[in-house]
Structure formats: structure tokens, C-alpha cells
C-alpha atoms as a PDB file:
ATOM      1  CA  UNK A   1      16.086  43.792 -30.596  1.00  0.00           C
ATOM      2  CA  UNK A   2      15.110  40.348 -29.470  1.00  0.00           C
ATOM      3  CA  UNK A   3      14.591  39.532 -25.751  1.00  0.00           C
ATOM      4  CA  UNK A   4      16.214  36.595 -24.100  1.00  0.00           C
ATOM      5  CA  UNK A   5      13.583  34.160 -22.384  1.00  0.00           C
ATOM      6  CA  UNK A   6      16.014  33.056 -20.038  1.00  0.00           C
ATOM      7  CA  UNK A   7      19.303  34.044 -18.685  1.00  0.00           C
ATOM      8  CA  UNK A   8      22.555  32.704 -20.119  1.00  0.00           C
ATOM      9  CA  UNK A   9      24.229  30.087 -18.313  1.00  0.00           C
ATOM     10  CA  UNK A  10      27.584  30.194 -16.886  1.00  0.00           C
ATOM     11  CA  UNK A  11      29.945  27.563 -18.306  1.00  0.00           C
ATOM     12  CA  UNK A  12      30.309  24.406 -16.414  1.00  0.00           C
ATOM     13  CA  UNK A  13      27.028  24.355 -14.579  1.00  0.00           C
ATOM     14  CA  UNK A  14      25.222  21.154 -14.723  1.00  0.00           C
ATOM     15  CA  UNK A  15      21.217  21.317 -14.262  1.00  0.00           C
ATOM     16  CA  UNK A  16      19.480  20.920 -11.156  1.00  0.00           C
ATOM     17  CA  UNK A  17      18.632  17.552  -9.803  1.00  0.00           C
ATOM     18  CA  UNK A  18      15.088  16.544 -10.567  1.00  0.00           C
ATOM     19  CA  UNK A  19      14.290  12.878 -10.264  1.00  0.00           C
ATOM     20  CA  UNK A  20      12.118  11.082  -8.065  1.00  0.00           C
ATOM     21  CA  UNK A  21      14.171  10.581  -5.161  1.00  0.00           C
ATOM     22  CA  UNK A  22      15.109  14.367  -4.970  1.00  0.00           C
ATOM     23  CA  UNK A  23      11.565  15.201  -5.189  1.00  0.00           C
ATOM     24  CA  UNK A  24      10.808  12.937  -2.089  1.00  0.00           C
ATOM     25  CA  UNK A  25      13.552  14.585  -0.543  1.00  0.00           C
ATOM     26  CA  UNK A  26      12.426  17.756  -0.856  1.00  0.00           C
ATOM     27  CA  UNK A  27       8.861  16.913   0.169  1.00  0.00           C
ATOM     28  CA  UNK A  28      10.331  15.037   3.405  1.00  0.00           C
ATOM     29  CA  UNK A  29      12.462  18.076   4.191  1.00  0.00           C
ATOM     30  CA  UNK A  30       9.449  20.494   3.732  1.00  0.00           C
ATOM     31  CA  UNK A  31       7.368  17.995   6.026  1.00  0.00           C
ATOM     32  CA  UNK A  32      10.157  18.098   8.853  1.00  0.00           C
ATOM     33  CA  UNK A  33      10.514  21.713   8.484  1.00  0.00           C
ATOM     34  CA  UNK A  34       6.562  22.267   8.776  1.00  0.00           C
ATOM     35  CA  UNK A  35       6.484  20.129  12.057  1.00  0.00           C
ATOM     36  CA  UNK A  36       9.428  21.964  13.652  1.00  0.00           C
ATOM     37  CA  UNK A  37       8.061  25.220  13.100  1.00  0.00           C
ATOM     38  CA  UNK A  38       4.453  24.627  13.977  1.00  0.00           C
ATOM     39  CA  UNK A  39       5.574  23.363  17.397  1.00  0.00           C
ATOM     40  CA  UNK A  40       8.447  26.085  17.911  1.00  0.00           C
ATOM     41  CA  UNK A  41       6.938  28.649  16.207  1.00  0.00           C
ATOM     42  CA  UNK A  42       3.355  28.180  16.658  1.00  0.00           C
ATOM     43  CA  UNK A  43       2.666  29.033  12.801  1.00  0.00           C
ATOM     44  CA  UNK A  44       0.572  26.496  10.711  1.00  0.00           C
ATOM     45  CA  UNK A  45       2.867  26.806   7.688  1.00  0.00           C
ATOM     46  CA  UNK A  46       6.506  27.215   7.391  1.00  0.00           C
ATOM     47  CA  UNK A  47       6.472  29.582   4.835  1.00  0.00           C
ATOM     48  CA  UNK A  48       4.634  31.782   7.481  1.00  0.00           C
ATOM     49  CA  UNK A  49       7.944  31.768   9.430  1.00  0.00           C
ATOM     50  CA  UNK A  50      11.050  33.943   7.932  1.00  0.00           C
ATOM     51  CA  UNK A  51      13.402  31.666   9.608  1.00  0.00           C
ATOM     52  CA  UNK A  52      11.787  28.464   8.253  1.00  0.00           C
ATOM     53  CA  UNK A  53      11.273  29.655   5.071  1.00  0.00           C
ATOM     54  CA  UNK A  54      14.860  30.488   4.365  1.00  0.00           C
ATOM     55  CA  UNK A  55      16.070  27.393   5.866  1.00  0.00           C
ATOM     56  CA  UNK A  56      13.706  25.509   3.585  1.00  0.00           C
ATOM     57  CA  UNK A  57      15.082  27.567   0.541  1.00  0.00           C
ATOM     58  CA  UNK A  58      18.619  26.734   1.515  1.00  0.00           C
ATOM     59  CA  UNK A  59      17.763  22.907   1.743  1.00  0.00           C
ATOM     60  CA  UNK A  60      16.232  22.927  -1.439  1.00  0.00           C
ATOM     61  CA  UNK A  61      19.161  24.781  -3.243  1.00  0.00           C
ATOM     62  CA  UNK A  62      21.284  22.113  -1.543  1.00  0.00           C
ATOM     63  CA  UNK A  63      19.252  19.423  -2.979  1.00  0.00           C
ATOM     64  CA  UNK A  64      19.677  20.965  -6.524  1.00  0.00           C
ATOM     65  CA  UNK A  65      23.456  20.605  -6.020  1.00  0.00           C
ATOM     66  CA  UNK A  66      23.822  17.285  -4.602  1.00  0.00           C
ATOM     67  CA  UNK A  67      26.440  15.433  -5.902  1.00  0.00           C
ATOM     68  CA  UNK A  68      24.818  12.104  -5.701  1.00  0.00           C
ATOM     69  CA  UNK A  69      21.884  12.767  -7.334  1.00  0.00           C
ATOM     70  CA  UNK A  70      19.126   9.902  -7.492  1.00  0.00           C
ATOM     71  CA  UNK A  71      21.751   7.750  -5.319  1.00  0.00           C
ATOM     72  CA  UNK A  72      21.398  10.351  -2.704  1.00  0.00           C
ATOM     73  CA  UNK A  73      21.514   8.807   0.848  1.00  0.00           C
ATOM     74  CA  UNK A  74      20.138  10.135   4.207  1.00  0.00           C
ATOM     75  CA  UNK A  75      21.985  13.177   5.090  1.00  0.00           C
ATOM     76  CA  UNK A  76      22.942  11.521   8.416  1.00  0.00           C
ATOM     77  CA  UNK A  77      24.433   8.599   6.647  1.00  0.00           C
ATOM     78  CA  UNK A  78      26.185  11.035   3.871  1.00  0.00           C
ATOM     79  CA  UNK A  79      30.004  11.501   3.615  1.00  0.00           C
ATOM     80  CA  UNK A  80      29.995  15.064   1.678  1.00  0.00           C
ATOM     81  CA  UNK A  81      28.510  17.585   4.417  1.00  0.00           C
ATOM     82  CA  UNK A  82      26.623  19.919   1.663  1.00  0.00           C
ATOM     83  CA  UNK A  83      25.152  22.520   4.947  1.00  0.00           C
ATOM     84  CA  UNK A  84      27.438  25.222   5.629  1.00  0.00           C
ATOM     85  CA  UNK A  85      28.931  25.032   9.721  1.00  0.00           C
ATOM     86  CA  UNK A  86      26.324  27.888  10.211  1.00  0.00           C
ATOM     87  CA  UNK A  87      23.272  26.366   9.073  1.00  0.00           C
ATOM     88  CA  UNK A  88      24.061  22.384   9.564  1.00  0.00           C
ATOM     89  CA  UNK A  89      23.583  22.952  13.286  1.00  0.00           C
ATOM     90  CA  UNK A  90      19.986  24.363  12.756  1.00  0.00           C
ATOM     91  CA  UNK A  91      18.953  21.443  10.131  1.00  0.00           C
ATOM     92  CA  UNK A  92      19.999  18.543  12.488  1.00  0.00           C
ATOM     93  CA  UNK A  93      17.976  20.552  15.403  1.00  0.00           C
ATOM     94  CA  UNK A  94      14.941  20.310  12.952  1.00  0.00           C
ATOM     95  CA  UNK A  95      15.815  16.875  11.778  1.00  0.00           C
ATOM     96  CA  UNK A  96      16.134  15.380  15.230  1.00  0.00           C
ATOM     97  CA  UNK A  97      13.204  16.862  16.397  1.00  0.00           C
ATOM     98  CA  UNK A  98      10.881  15.747  13.455  1.00  0.00           C
ATOM     99  CA  UNK A  99      12.352  12.745  12.503  1.00  0.00           C
ATOM    100  CA  UNK A 100      10.792  10.684  15.225  1.00  0.00           C
ATOM    101  CA  UNK A 101       7.487  12.519  14.527  1.00  0.00           C
ATOM    102  CA  UNK A 102       7.232  12.096  10.641  1.00  0.00           C
ATOM    103  CA  UNK A 103       5.581   8.525  10.731  1.00  0.00           C
ATOM    104  CA  UNK A 104       2.743   9.970  12.883  1.00  0.00           C
ATOM    105  CA  UNK A 105       2.066  13.324  10.816  1.00  0.00           C
ATOM    106  CA  UNK A 106       3.385  11.873   7.304  1.00  0.00           C
ATOM    107  CA  UNK A 107       3.285   8.034   7.336  1.00  0.00           C
ATOM    108  CA  UNK A 108       4.642   7.295   4.129  1.00  0.00           C
ATOM    109  CA  UNK A 109       6.964   9.809   3.866  1.00  0.00           C
ATOM    110  CA  UNK A 110       8.176   8.613   7.350  1.00  0.00           C
ATOM    111  CA  UNK A 111       8.407   5.201   6.081  1.00  0.00           C
ATOM    112  CA  UNK A 112      10.282   5.838   3.046  1.00  0.00           C
ATOM    113  CA  UNK A 113      12.927   8.056   4.905  1.00  0.00           C
ATOM    114  CA  UNK A 114      13.383   4.908   7.260  1.00  0.00           C
ATOM    115  CA  UNK A 115      13.652   2.417   4.184  1.00  0.00           C
ATOM    116  CA  UNK A 116      16.454   4.851   2.766  1.00  0.00           C
ATOM    117  CA  UNK A 117      18.198   5.301   6.126  1.00  0.00           C
ATOM    118  CA  UNK A 118      18.062   0.909   5.956  1.00  0.00           C
ATOM    119  CA  UNK A 119      19.257   1.060   2.317  1.00  0.00           C
ATOM    120  CA  UNK A 120      22.125   3.220   3.273  1.00  0.00           C
ATOM    121  CA  UNK A 121      23.460   0.691   5.897  1.00  0.00           C
ATOM    122  CA  UNK A 122      23.367  -2.202   3.179  1.00  0.00           C
END
């Protein structure tokens, strides 16, 4: 009997988003959650905090299925709210806290996030 190496895919599902833009978004949200977690929960890494680990997992899952893919705009300028109502408030709280601190702790990601916000306004 031959074993499958991958589980069978359901019909109609598209592959997860994987471009450079999405990967940068993953790094940005991970950095934002880490900043928030360190300052509010006192942990050095977000993965040491179960709440922040779950939020990061959920955010990555949402990036996997983002309908805009590589043309994605920043979340606050997006027309489609992909976060559930119960988690949207939490992610907004994290982004509002960590956003202004990004250029100090992660200069390149902070600048690129600012550039993406500027592009979305054009």
C-alpha cells in the first residue's frame, strides 16, 4: 500500500499567497506583535505568549488567503475586512500601538510600511 505524502486538496482551493509583498507583510505583522507583546506582556518573543502566538498564527492565515495577493494594500486602507469581528479589535490595538514604534525598532520594515500606505493613497 502506497502512502500519500500530502493530504488531498479540496476542489476549488487556491494555493496560499507567497510573493515578496506578502512575505514582507508577514515580517511586519510579526514585528508589530513582538513589539506589543514585549511591552504589554513582558515576554522577549511573541511565541512565548500564547495569546500573541495565536494572533500571529491567525494573521498569517489571513495573509495566506488575502484576495489582493501581491497588490495588497495596508490593512487600514483595505476595502475587505478579512479579520473576524472578535479579532479585528485586537489586531487594531496591536497595530495602533506598534505602528509608531516600528521605525525605531525595525527601520526598514517601518519605512516600507509607510511607503505602502502612501502608495495606497495614490
